[in-house]
Amino acid sequence: MRFYVTLAAALLCGCSAPPADQPKTDPTTEASYGRAVQELASMGRQAEELLHNGKSDEVAAIVSNGQPLLDRLLAAPRPTLAAMEAVSDFDQLYGRLL
């Protein structure tokens, strides 16, 4: 008898409704996202100045170090305009290095 009660309880637990999906937060609304945009834009300006002064090795290091920020900004479902501009500027710098 105890077996049947345990079996029934297990079956009933399996019949429950799946948990409701929690709405995902928009990463662009977080303060850290805005700071990442500002940091990438600042790195881009610094790299631009260094490139203008012929210091391509230092620019390459900045571009390489900025890649994680760039990836984070683009991981958002709907990146902000400022993020897209910073990423685009960084991408253009990378192209000029090549």
PDB file of N, CA and C in Angstrom:
ATOM      1  N   MET A   1       0.830  -1.194   0.000  1.00  0.00           N
ATOM      2  CA  MET A   1       0.000   0.000   0.000  1.00  0.00           C
ATOM      3  C   MET A   1       0.876   1.261   0.000  1.00  0.00           C
ATOM      4  N   ARG A   2       1.893   1.240   0.794  1.00  0.00           N
ATOM      5  CA  ARG A   2       2.769   2.395   0.905  1.00  0.00           C
ATOM      6  C   ARG A   2       3.437   2.696  -0.441  1.00  0.00           C
ATOM      7  N   PHE A   3       3.744   1.658  -1.178  1.00  0.00           N
ATOM      8  CA  PHE A   3       4.338   1.805  -2.500  1.00  0.00           C
ATOM      9  C   PHE A   3       3.402   2.593  -3.422  1.00  0.00           C
ATOM     10  N   TYR A   4       2.128   2.262  -3.380  1.00  0.00           N
ATOM     11  CA  TYR A   4       1.161   2.932  -4.255  1.00  0.00           C
ATOM     12  C   TYR A   4       0.975   4.404  -3.888  1.00  0.00           C
ATOM     13  N   VAL A   5       1.021   4.699  -2.606  1.00  0.00           N
ATOM     14  CA  VAL A   5       0.904   6.089  -2.153  1.00  0.00           C
ATOM     15  C   VAL A   5       2.116   6.887  -2.622  1.00  0.00           C
ATOM     16  N   THR A   6       3.306   6.303  -2.500  1.00  0.00           N
ATOM     17  CA  THR A   6       4.529   6.969  -2.946  1.00  0.00           C
ATOM     18  C   THR A   6       4.503   7.166  -4.454  1.00  0.00           C
ATOM     19  N   LEU A   7       4.061   6.148  -5.177  1.00  0.00           N
ATOM     20  CA  LEU A   7       3.967   6.236  -6.631  1.00  0.00           C
ATOM     21  C   LEU A   7       2.974   7.312  -7.047  1.00  0.00           C
ATOM     22  N   ALA A   8       1.845   7.383  -6.398  1.00  0.00           N
ATOM     23  CA  ALA A   8       0.836   8.387  -6.716  1.00  0.00           C
ATOM     24  C   ALA A   8       1.363   9.791  -6.433  1.00  0.00           C
ATOM     25  N   ALA A   9       2.068   9.943  -5.328  1.00  0.00           N
ATOM     26  CA  ALA A   9       2.628  11.252  -4.987  1.00  0.00           C
ATOM     27  C   ALA A   9       3.662  11.674  -6.019  1.00  0.00           C
ATOM     28  N   ALA A  10       4.485  10.729  -6.460  1.00  0.00           N
ATOM     29  CA  ALA A  10       5.496  11.045  -7.467  1.00  0.00           C
ATOM     30  C   ALA A  10       4.848  11.442  -8.784  1.00  0.00           C
ATOM     31  N   LEU A  11       3.807  10.751  -9.163  1.00  0.00           N
ATOM     32  CA  LEU A  11       3.115  11.076 -10.417  1.00  0.00           C
ATOM     33  C   LEU A  11       2.430  12.432 -10.347  1.00  0.00           C
ATOM     34  N   LEU A  12       1.844  12.730  -9.207  1.00  0.00           N
ATOM     35  CA  LEU A  12       1.178  14.017  -9.058  1.00  0.00           C
ATOM     36  C   LEU A  12       2.166  15.178  -9.062  1.00  0.00           C
ATOM     37  N   CYS A  13       3.342  14.966  -8.516  1.00  0.00           N
ATOM     38  CA  CYS A  13       4.372  16.016  -8.532  1.00  0.00           C
ATOM     39  C   CYS A  13       4.817  16.307  -9.953  1.00  0.00           C
ATOM     40  N   GLY A  14       4.835  15.286 -10.780  1.00  0.00           N
ATOM     41  CA  GLY A  14       5.236  15.457 -12.167  1.00  0.00           C
ATOM     42  C   GLY A  14       4.193  16.160 -12.999  1.00  0.00           C
ATOM     43  N   CYS A  15       2.986  16.265 -12.501  1.00  0.00           N
ATOM     44  CA  CYS A  15       1.896  16.881 -13.261  1.00  0.00           C
ATOM     45  C   CYS A  15       1.747  18.371 -13.001  1.00  0.00           C
ATOM     46  N   SER A  16       2.541  18.910 -12.139  1.00  0.00           N
ATOM     47  CA  SER A  16       2.391  20.333 -11.821  1.00  0.00           C
ATOM     48  C   SER A  16       2.798  21.191 -13.013  1.00  0.00           C
ATOM     49  N   ALA A  17       2.288  22.379 -13.041  1.00  0.00           N
ATOM     50  CA  ALA A  17       2.594  23.309 -14.133  1.00  0.00           C
ATOM     51  C   ALA A  17       4.058  23.741 -14.037  1.00  0.00           C
ATOM     52  N   PRO A  18       4.697  23.962 -15.183  1.00  0.00           N
ATOM     53  CA  PRO A  18       6.086  24.416 -15.145  1.00  0.00           C
ATOM     54  C   PRO A  18       6.162  25.812 -14.539  1.00  0.00           C
ATOM     55  N   PRO A  19       7.267  26.122 -13.899  1.00  0.00           N
ATOM     56  CA  PRO A  19       7.391  27.460 -13.302  1.00  0.00           C
ATOM     57  C   PRO A  19       7.345  28.530 -14.391  1.00  0.00           C
ATOM     58  N   ALA A  20       6.715  29.614 -14.064  1.00  0.00           N
ATOM     59  CA  ALA A  20       6.618  30.723 -15.022  1.00  0.00           C
ATOM     60  C   ALA A  20       8.001  31.307 -15.275  1.00  0.00           C
ATOM     61  N   ASP A  21       8.282  31.602 -16.529  1.00  0.00           N
ATOM     62  CA  ASP A  21       9.562  32.203 -16.869  1.00  0.00           C
ATOM     63  C   ASP A  21       9.631  33.609 -16.296  1.00  0.00           C
ATOM     64  N   GLN A  22      10.721  33.865 -15.622  1.00  0.00           N
ATOM     65  CA  GLN A  22      10.939  35.207 -15.099  1.00  0.00           C
ATOM     66  C   GLN A  22      11.355  36.109 -16.250  1.00  0.00           C
ATOM     67  N   PRO A  23      10.779  37.281 -16.349  1.00  0.00           N
ATOM     68  CA  PRO A  23      11.203  38.177 -17.424  1.00  0.00           C
ATOM     69  C   PRO A  23      12.680  38.538 -17.241  1.00  0.00           C
ATOM     70  N   LYS A  24      13.412  38.455 -18.329  1.00  0.00           N
ATOM     71  CA  LYS A  24      14.835  38.761 -18.262  1.00  0.00           C
ATOM     72  C   LYS A  24      15.017  40.270 -18.157  1.00  0.00           C
ATOM     73  N   THR A  25      15.965  40.656 -17.333  1.00  0.00           N
ATOM     74  CA  THR A  25      16.236  42.079 -17.197  1.00  0.00           C
ATOM     75  C   THR A  25      17.015  42.561 -18.416  1.00  0.00           C
ATOM     76  N   ASP A  26      16.805  43.774 -18.780  1.00  0.00           N
ATOM     77  CA  ASP A  26      17.499  44.383 -19.902  1.00  0.00           C
ATOM     78  C   ASP A  26      18.858  44.868 -19.410  1.00  0.00           C
ATOM     79  N   PRO A  27      19.959  44.290 -19.921  1.00  0.00           N
ATOM     80  CA  PRO A  27      21.276  44.691 -19.417  1.00  0.00           C
ATOM     81  C   PRO A  27      21.618  46.148 -19.712  1.00  0.00           C
ATOM     82  N   THR A  28      20.968  46.746 -20.699  1.00  0.00           N
ATOM     83  CA  THR A  28      21.278  48.132 -21.037  1.00  0.00           C
ATOM     84  C   THR A  28      20.780  49.109 -19.978  1.00  0.00           C
ATOM     85  N   THR A  29      19.901  48.662 -19.097  1.00  0.00           N
ATOM     86  CA  THR A  29      19.389  49.545 -18.044  1.00  0.00           C
ATOM     87  C   THR A  29      20.265  49.528 -16.795  1.00  0.00           C
ATOM     88  N   GLU A  30      21.236  48.617 -16.756  1.00  0.00           N
ATOM     89  CA  GLU A  30      22.122  48.519 -15.595  1.00  0.00           C
ATOM     90  C   GLU A  30      23.215  49.580 -15.677  1.00  0.00           C
ATOM     91  N   ALA A  31      23.606  50.096 -14.536  1.00  0.00           N
ATOM     92  CA  ALA A  31      24.644  51.130 -14.487  1.00  0.00           C
ATOM     93  C   ALA A  31      25.971  50.603 -15.027  1.00  0.00           C
ATOM     94  N   SER A  32      26.245  49.335 -14.813  1.00  0.00           N
ATOM     95  CA  SER A  32      27.513  48.768 -15.285  1.00  0.00           C
ATOM     96  C   SER A  32      27.586  48.767 -16.809  1.00  0.00           C
ATOM     97  N   TYR A  33      26.448  48.673 -17.472  1.00  0.00           N
ATOM     98  CA  TYR A  33      26.434  48.706 -18.933  1.00  0.00           C
ATOM     99  C   TYR A  33      26.844  50.100 -19.424  1.00  0.00           C
ATOM    100  N   GLY A  34      26.300  51.129 -18.793  1.00  0.00           N
ATOM    101  CA  GLY A  34      26.674  52.498 -19.144  1.00  0.00           C
ATOM    102  C   GLY A  34      28.145  52.774 -18.900  1.00  0.00           C
ATOM    103  N   ARG A  35      28.658  52.245 -17.780  1.00  0.00           N
ATOM    104  CA  ARG A  35      30.090  52.413 -17.495  1.00  0.00           C
ATOM    105  C   ARG A  35      30.939  51.693 -18.536  1.00  0.00           C
ATOM    106  N   ALA A  36      30.492  50.532 -18.974  1.00  0.00           N
ATOM    107  CA  ALA A  36      31.234  49.783 -19.996  1.00  0.00           C
ATOM    108  C   ALA A  36      31.253  50.545 -21.318  1.00  0.00           C
ATOM    109  N   VAL A  37      30.152  51.196 -21.657  1.00  0.00           N
ATOM    110  CA  VAL A  37      30.100  52.014 -22.875  1.00  0.00           C
ATOM    111  C   VAL A  37      31.098  53.160 -22.762  1.00  0.00           C
ATOM    112  N   GLN A  38      31.081  53.843 -21.619  1.00  0.00           N
ATOM    113  CA  GLN A  38      32.000  54.965 -21.420  1.00  0.00           C
ATOM    114  C   GLN A  38      33.451  54.504 -21.448  1.00  0.00           C
ATOM    115  N   GLU A  39      33.728  53.360 -20.839  1.00  0.00           N
ATOM    116  CA  GLU A  39      35.096  52.852 -20.808  1.00  0.00           C
ATOM    117  C   GLU A  39      35.579  52.483 -22.210  1.00  0.00           C
ATOM    118  N   LEU A  40      34.722  51.823 -22.994  1.00  0.00           N
ATOM    119  CA  LEU A  40      35.109  51.453 -24.350  1.00  0.00           C
ATOM    120  C   LEU A  40      35.315  52.697 -25.211  1.00  0.00           C
ATOM    121  N   ALA A  41      34.447  53.686 -25.062  1.00  0.00           N
ATOM    122  CA  ALA A  41      34.600  54.931 -25.824  1.00  0.00           C
ATOM    123  C   ALA A  41      35.895  55.643 -25.434  1.00  0.00           C
ATOM    124  N   SER A  42      36.204  55.653 -24.150  1.00  0.00           N
ATOM    125  CA  SER A  42      37.443  56.273 -23.687  1.00  0.00           C
ATOM    126  C   SER A  42      38.663  55.537 -24.232  1.00  0.00           C
ATOM    127  N   MET A  43      38.613  54.213 -24.205  1.00  0.00           N
ATOM    128  CA  MET A  43      39.712  53.421 -24.760  1.00  0.00           C
ATOM    129  C   MET A  43      39.873  53.701 -26.254  1.00  0.00           C
ATOM    130  N   GLY A  44      38.753  53.870 -26.937  1.00  0.00           N
ATOM    131  CA  GLY A  44      38.798  54.174 -28.366  1.00  0.00           C
ATOM    132  C   GLY A  44      39.445  55.520 -28.638  1.00  0.00           C
ATOM    133  N   ARG A  45      39.094  56.523 -27.832  1.00  0.00           N
ATOM    134  CA  ARG A  45      39.701  57.842 -28.008  1.00  0.00           C
ATOM    135  C   ARG A  45      41.203  57.794 -27.747  1.00  0.00           C
ATOM    136  N   GLN A  46      41.573  57.078 -26.693  1.00  0.00           N
ATOM    137  CA  GLN A  46      42.992  56.943 -26.362  1.00  0.00           C
ATOM    138  C   GLN A  46      43.735  56.218 -27.486  1.00  0.00           C
ATOM    139  N   ALA A  47      43.151  55.168 -28.001  1.00  0.00           N
ATOM    140  CA  ALA A  47      43.781  54.412 -29.081  1.00  0.00           C
ATOM    141  C   ALA A  47      43.883  55.247 -30.352  1.00  0.00           C
ATOM    142  N   GLU A  48      42.872  56.053 -30.604  1.00  0.00           N
ATOM    143  CA  GLU A  48      42.884  56.935 -31.779  1.00  0.00           C
ATOM    144  C   GLU A  48      44.054  57.910 -31.701  1.00  0.00           C
ATOM    145  N   GLU A  49      44.243  58.487 -30.527  1.00  0.00           N
ATOM    146  CA  GLU A  49      45.348  59.433 -30.336  1.00  0.00           C
ATOM    147  C   GLU A  49      46.706  58.739 -30.499  1.00  0.00           C
ATOM    148  N   LEU A  50      46.825  57.551 -29.930  1.00  0.00           N
ATOM    149  CA  LEU A  50      48.072  56.798 -30.062  1.00  0.00           C
ATOM    150  C   LEU A  50      48.335  56.415 -31.519  1.00  0.00           C
ATOM    151  N   LEU A  51      47.312  56.061 -32.229  1.00  0.00           N
ATOM    152  CA  LEU A  51      47.472  55.704 -33.637  1.00  0.00           C
ATOM    153  C   LEU A  51      47.926  56.916 -34.439  1.00  0.00           C
ATOM    154  N   HIS A  52      47.364  58.061 -34.103  1.00  0.00           N
ATOM    155  CA  HIS A  52      47.751  59.304 -34.767  1.00  0.00           C
ATOM    156  C   HIS A  52      49.231  59.617 -34.522  1.00  0.00           C
ATOM    157  N   ASN A  53      49.735  59.205 -33.341  1.00  0.00           N
ATOM    158  CA  ASN A  53      51.137  59.432 -32.988  1.00  0.00           C
ATOM    159  C   ASN A  53      52.048  58.284 -33.426  1.00  0.00           C
ATOM    160  N   GLY A  54      51.507  57.337 -34.186  1.00  0.00           N
ATOM    161  CA  GLY A  54      52.315  56.251 -34.732  1.00  0.00           C
ATOM    162  C   GLY A  54      52.658  55.133 -33.765  1.00  0.00           C
ATOM    163  N   LYS A  55      51.915  55.002 -32.690  1.00  0.00           N
ATOM    164  CA  LYS A  55      52.200  53.973 -31.686  1.00  0.00           C
ATOM    165  C   LYS A  55      51.233  52.796 -31.865  1.00  0.00           C
ATOM    166  N   SER A  56      51.400  52.094 -32.972  1.00  0.00           N
ATOM    167  CA  SER A  56      50.451  51.034 -33.324  1.00  0.00           C
ATOM    168  C   SER A  56      50.511  49.836 -32.374  1.00  0.00           C
ATOM    169  N   ASP A  57      51.660  49.566 -31.764  1.00  0.00           N
ATOM    170  CA  ASP A  57      51.738  48.451 -30.814  1.00  0.00           C
ATOM    171  C   ASP A  57      50.869  48.713 -29.586  1.00  0.00           C
ATOM    172  N   GLU A  58      50.874  49.950 -29.112  1.00  0.00           N
ATOM    173  CA  GLU A  58      50.046  50.308 -27.965  1.00  0.00           C
ATOM    174  C   GLU A  58      48.561  50.291 -28.340  1.00  0.00           C
ATOM    175  N   VAL A  59      48.261  50.697 -29.560  1.00  0.00           N
ATOM    176  CA  VAL A  59      46.874  50.658 -30.039  1.00  0.00           C
ATOM    177  C   VAL A  59      46.395  49.214 -30.091  1.00  0.00           C
ATOM    178  N   ALA A  60      47.263  48.334 -30.589  1.00  0.00           N
ATOM    179  CA  ALA A  60      46.897  46.914 -30.673  1.00  0.00           C
ATOM    180  C   ALA A  60      46.600  46.351 -29.290  1.00  0.00           C
ATOM    181  N   ALA A  61      47.358  46.760 -28.290  1.00  0.00           N
ATOM    182  CA  ALA A  61      47.123  46.292 -26.925  1.00  0.00           C
ATOM    183  C   ALA A  61      45.778  46.794 -26.406  1.00  0.00           C
ATOM    184  N   ILE A  62      45.454  48.044 -26.686  1.00  0.00           N
ATOM    185  CA  ILE A  62      44.182  48.609 -26.234  1.00  0.00           C
ATOM    186  C   ILE A  62      43.020  47.896 -26.921  1.00  0.00           C
ATOM    187  N   VAL A  63      43.155  47.682 -28.220  1.00  0.00           N
ATOM    188  CA  VAL A  63      42.092  47.006 -28.971  1.00  0.00           C
ATOM    189  C   VAL A  63      41.898  45.591 -28.427  1.00  0.00           C
ATOM    190  N   SER A  64      42.977  44.922 -28.140  1.00  0.00           N
ATOM    191  CA  SER A  64      42.901  43.566 -27.593  1.00  0.00           C
ATOM    192  C   SER A  64      42.259  43.570 -26.204  1.00  0.00           C
ATOM    193  N   ASN A  65      42.630  44.523 -25.366  1.00  0.00           N
ATOM    194  CA  ASN A  65      42.068  44.616 -24.015  1.00  0.00           C
ATOM    195  C   ASN A  65      40.603  45.042 -24.022  1.00  0.00           C
ATOM    196  N   GLY A  66      40.183  45.730 -25.059  1.00  0.00           N
ATOM    197  CA  GLY A  66      38.800  46.189 -25.143  1.00  0.00           C
ATOM    198  C   GLY A  66      37.830  45.147 -25.653  1.00  0.00           C
ATOM    199  N   GLN A  67      38.341  44.045 -26.157  1.00  0.00           N
ATOM    200  CA  GLN A  67      37.470  43.023 -26.744  1.00  0.00           C
ATOM    201  C   GLN A  67      36.423  42.470 -25.773  1.00  0.00           C
ATOM    202  N   PRO A  68      36.777  42.178 -24.508  1.00  0.00           N
ATOM    203  CA  PRO A  68      35.734  41.700 -23.581  1.00  0.00           C
ATOM    204  C   PRO A  68      34.608  42.723 -23.367  1.00  0.00           C
ATOM    205  N   LEU A  69      34.946  43.999 -23.312  1.00  0.00           N
ATOM    206  CA  LEU A  69      33.911  45.035 -23.175  1.00  0.00           C
ATOM    207  C   LEU A  69      33.029  45.059 -24.412  1.00  0.00           C
ATOM    208  N   LEU A  70      33.660  44.993 -25.563  1.00  0.00           N
ATOM    209  CA  LEU A  70      32.933  44.999 -26.825  1.00  0.00           C
ATOM    210  C   LEU A  70      31.965  43.819 -26.873  1.00  0.00           C
ATOM    211  N   ASP A  71      32.430  42.649 -26.502  1.00  0.00           N
ATOM    212  CA  ASP A  71      31.571  41.461 -26.491  1.00  0.00           C
ATOM    213  C   ASP A  71      30.407  41.625 -25.526  1.00  0.00           C
ATOM    214  N   ARG A  72      30.682  42.199 -24.372  1.00  0.00           N
ATOM    215  CA  ARG A  72      29.621  42.396 -23.372  1.00  0.00           C
ATOM    216  C   ARG A  72      28.549  43.357 -23.881  1.00  0.00           C
ATOM    217  N   LEU A  73      28.987  44.421 -24.518  1.00  0.00           N
ATOM    218  CA  LEU A  73      28.033  45.402 -25.023  1.00  0.00           C
ATOM    219  C   LEU A  73      27.164  44.814 -26.124  1.00  0.00           C
ATOM    220  N   LEU A  74      27.767  44.017 -26.984  1.00  0.00           N
ATOM    221  CA  LEU A  74      27.017  43.437 -28.089  1.00  0.00           C
ATOM    222  C   LEU A  74      26.156  42.249 -27.670  1.00  0.00           C
ATOM    223  N   ALA A  75      26.374  41.728 -26.474  1.00  0.00           N
ATOM    224  CA  ALA A  75      25.581  40.597 -25.992  1.00  0.00           C
ATOM    225  C   ALA A  75      24.166  41.015 -25.607  1.00  0.00           C
ATOM    226  N   ALA A  76      23.937  42.293 -25.417  1.00  0.00           N
ATOM    227  CA  ALA A  76      22.603  42.775 -25.071  1.00  0.00           C
ATOM    228  C   ALA A  76      21.663  42.554 -26.254  1.00  0.00           C
ATOM    229  N   PRO A  77      20.421  42.166 -25.983  1.00  0.00           N
ATOM    230  CA  PRO A  77      19.477  41.942 -27.083  1.00  0.00           C
ATOM    231  C   PRO A  77      19.265  43.191 -27.948  1.00  0.00           C
ATOM    232  N   ARG A  78      19.272  44.334 -27.310  1.00  0.00           N
ATOM    233  CA  ARG A  78      19.107  45.606 -28.033  1.00  0.00           C
ATOM    234  C   ARG A  78      20.134  46.604 -27.503  1.00  0.00           C
ATOM    235  N   PRO A  79      21.364  46.561 -28.041  1.00  0.00           N
ATOM    236  CA  PRO A  79      22.401  47.493 -27.563  1.00  0.00           C
ATOM    237  C   PRO A  79      21.965  48.945 -27.783  1.00  0.00           C
ATOM    238  N   THR A  80      22.446  49.807 -26.928  1.00  0.00           N
ATOM    239  CA  THR A  80      22.116  51.223 -27.052  1.00  0.00           C
ATOM    240  C   THR A  80      22.887  51.830 -28.227  1.00  0.00           C
ATOM    241  N   LEU A  81      22.430  52.993 -28.663  1.00  0.00           N
ATOM    242  CA  LEU A  81      23.102  53.703 -29.748  1.00  0.00           C
ATOM    243  C   LEU A  81      24.542  54.039 -29.354  1.00  0.00           C
ATOM    244  N   ALA A  82      24.724  54.500 -28.117  1.00  0.00           N
ATOM    245  CA  ALA A  82      26.077  54.838 -27.659  1.00  0.00           C
ATOM    246  C   ALA A  82      26.987  53.610 -27.685  1.00  0.00           C
ATOM    247  N   ALA A  83      26.448  52.464 -27.304  1.00  0.00           N
ATOM    248  CA  ALA A  83      27.239  51.227 -27.329  1.00  0.00           C
ATOM    249  C   ALA A  83      27.606  50.866 -28.761  1.00  0.00           C
ATOM    250  N   MET A  84      26.651  50.978 -29.668  1.00  0.00           N
ATOM    251  CA  MET A  84      26.925  50.643 -31.066  1.00  0.00           C
ATOM    252  C   MET A  84      27.954  51.599 -31.672  1.00  0.00           C
ATOM    253  N   GLU A  85      27.897  52.867 -31.286  1.00  0.00           N
ATOM    254  CA  GLU A  85      28.889  53.828 -31.784  1.00  0.00           C
ATOM    255  C   GLU A  85      30.281  53.498 -31.251  1.00  0.00           C
ATOM    256  N   ALA A  86      30.383  53.176 -29.965  1.00  0.00           N
ATOM    257  CA  ALA A  86      31.678  52.834 -29.380  1.00  0.00           C
ATOM    258  C   ALA A  86      32.240  51.565 -30.016  1.00  0.00           C
ATOM    259  N   VAL A  87      31.391  50.587 -30.231  1.00  0.00           N
ATOM    260  CA  VAL A  87      31.817  49.339 -30.869  1.00  0.00           C
ATOM    261  C   VAL A  87      32.257  49.598 -32.303  1.00  0.00           C
ATOM    262  N   SER A  88      31.505  50.422 -33.010  1.00  0.00           N
ATOM    263  CA  SER A  88      31.840  50.740 -34.397  1.00  0.00           C
ATOM    264  C   SER A  88      33.185  51.470 -34.490  1.00  0.00           C
ATOM    265  N   ASP A  89      33.390  52.420 -33.600  1.00  0.00           N
ATOM    266  CA  ASP A  89      34.667  53.145 -33.584  1.00  0.00           C
ATOM    267  C   ASP A  89      35.827  52.195 -33.297  1.00  0.00           C
ATOM    268  N   PHE A  90      35.607  51.276 -32.366  1.00  0.00           N
ATOM    269  CA  PHE A  90      36.639  50.303 -32.025  1.00  0.00           C
ATOM    270  C   PHE A  90      36.922  49.392 -33.216  1.00  0.00           C
ATOM    271  N   ASP A  91      35.875  48.979 -33.884  1.00  0.00           N
ATOM    272  CA  ASP A  91      36.027  48.116 -35.053  1.00  0.00           C
ATOM    273  C   ASP A  91      36.788  48.838 -36.164  1.00  0.00           C
ATOM    274  N   GLN A  92      36.493  50.108 -36.332  1.00  0.00           N
ATOM    275  CA  GLN A  92      37.191  50.903 -37.348  1.00  0.00           C
ATOM    276  C   GLN A  92      38.688  51.012 -37.003  1.00  0.00           C
ATOM    277  N   LEU A  93      38.996  51.202 -35.735  1.00  0.00           N
ATOM    278  CA  LEU A  93      40.407  51.252 -35.310  1.00  0.00           C
ATOM    279  C   LEU A  93      41.111  49.934 -35.635  1.00  0.00           C
ATOM    280  N   TYR A  94      40.437  48.849 -35.339  1.00  0.00           N
ATOM    281  CA  TYR A  94      41.010  47.546 -35.616  1.00  0.00           C
ATOM    282  C   TYR A  94      41.287  47.382 -37.115  1.00  0.00           C
ATOM    283  N   GLY A  95      40.355  47.821 -37.923  1.00  0.00           N
ATOM    284  CA  GLY A  95      40.548  47.753 -39.372  1.00  0.00           C
ATOM    285  C   GLY A  95      41.716  48.595 -39.836  1.00  0.00           C
ATOM    286  N   ARG A  96      41.895  49.759 -39.246  1.00  0.00           N
ATOM    287  CA  ARG A  96      43.017  50.623 -39.620  1.00  0.00           C
ATOM    288  C   ARG A  96      44.347  50.028 -39.186  1.00  0.00           C
ATOM    289  N   LEU A  97      44.340  49.238 -38.127  1.00  0.00           N
ATOM    290  CA  LEU A  97      45.581  48.590 -37.692  1.00  0.00           C
ATOM    291  C   LEU A  97      46.029  47.529 -38.705  1.00  0.00           C
ATOM    292  N   LEU A  98      45.059  46.908 -39.332  1.00  0.00           N
ATOM    293  CA  LEU A  98      45.397  45.867 -40.293  1.00  0.00           C
ATOM    294  C   LEU A  98      45.972  46.516 -41.520  1.00  0.00           C
TER     295      LEU A  98
END
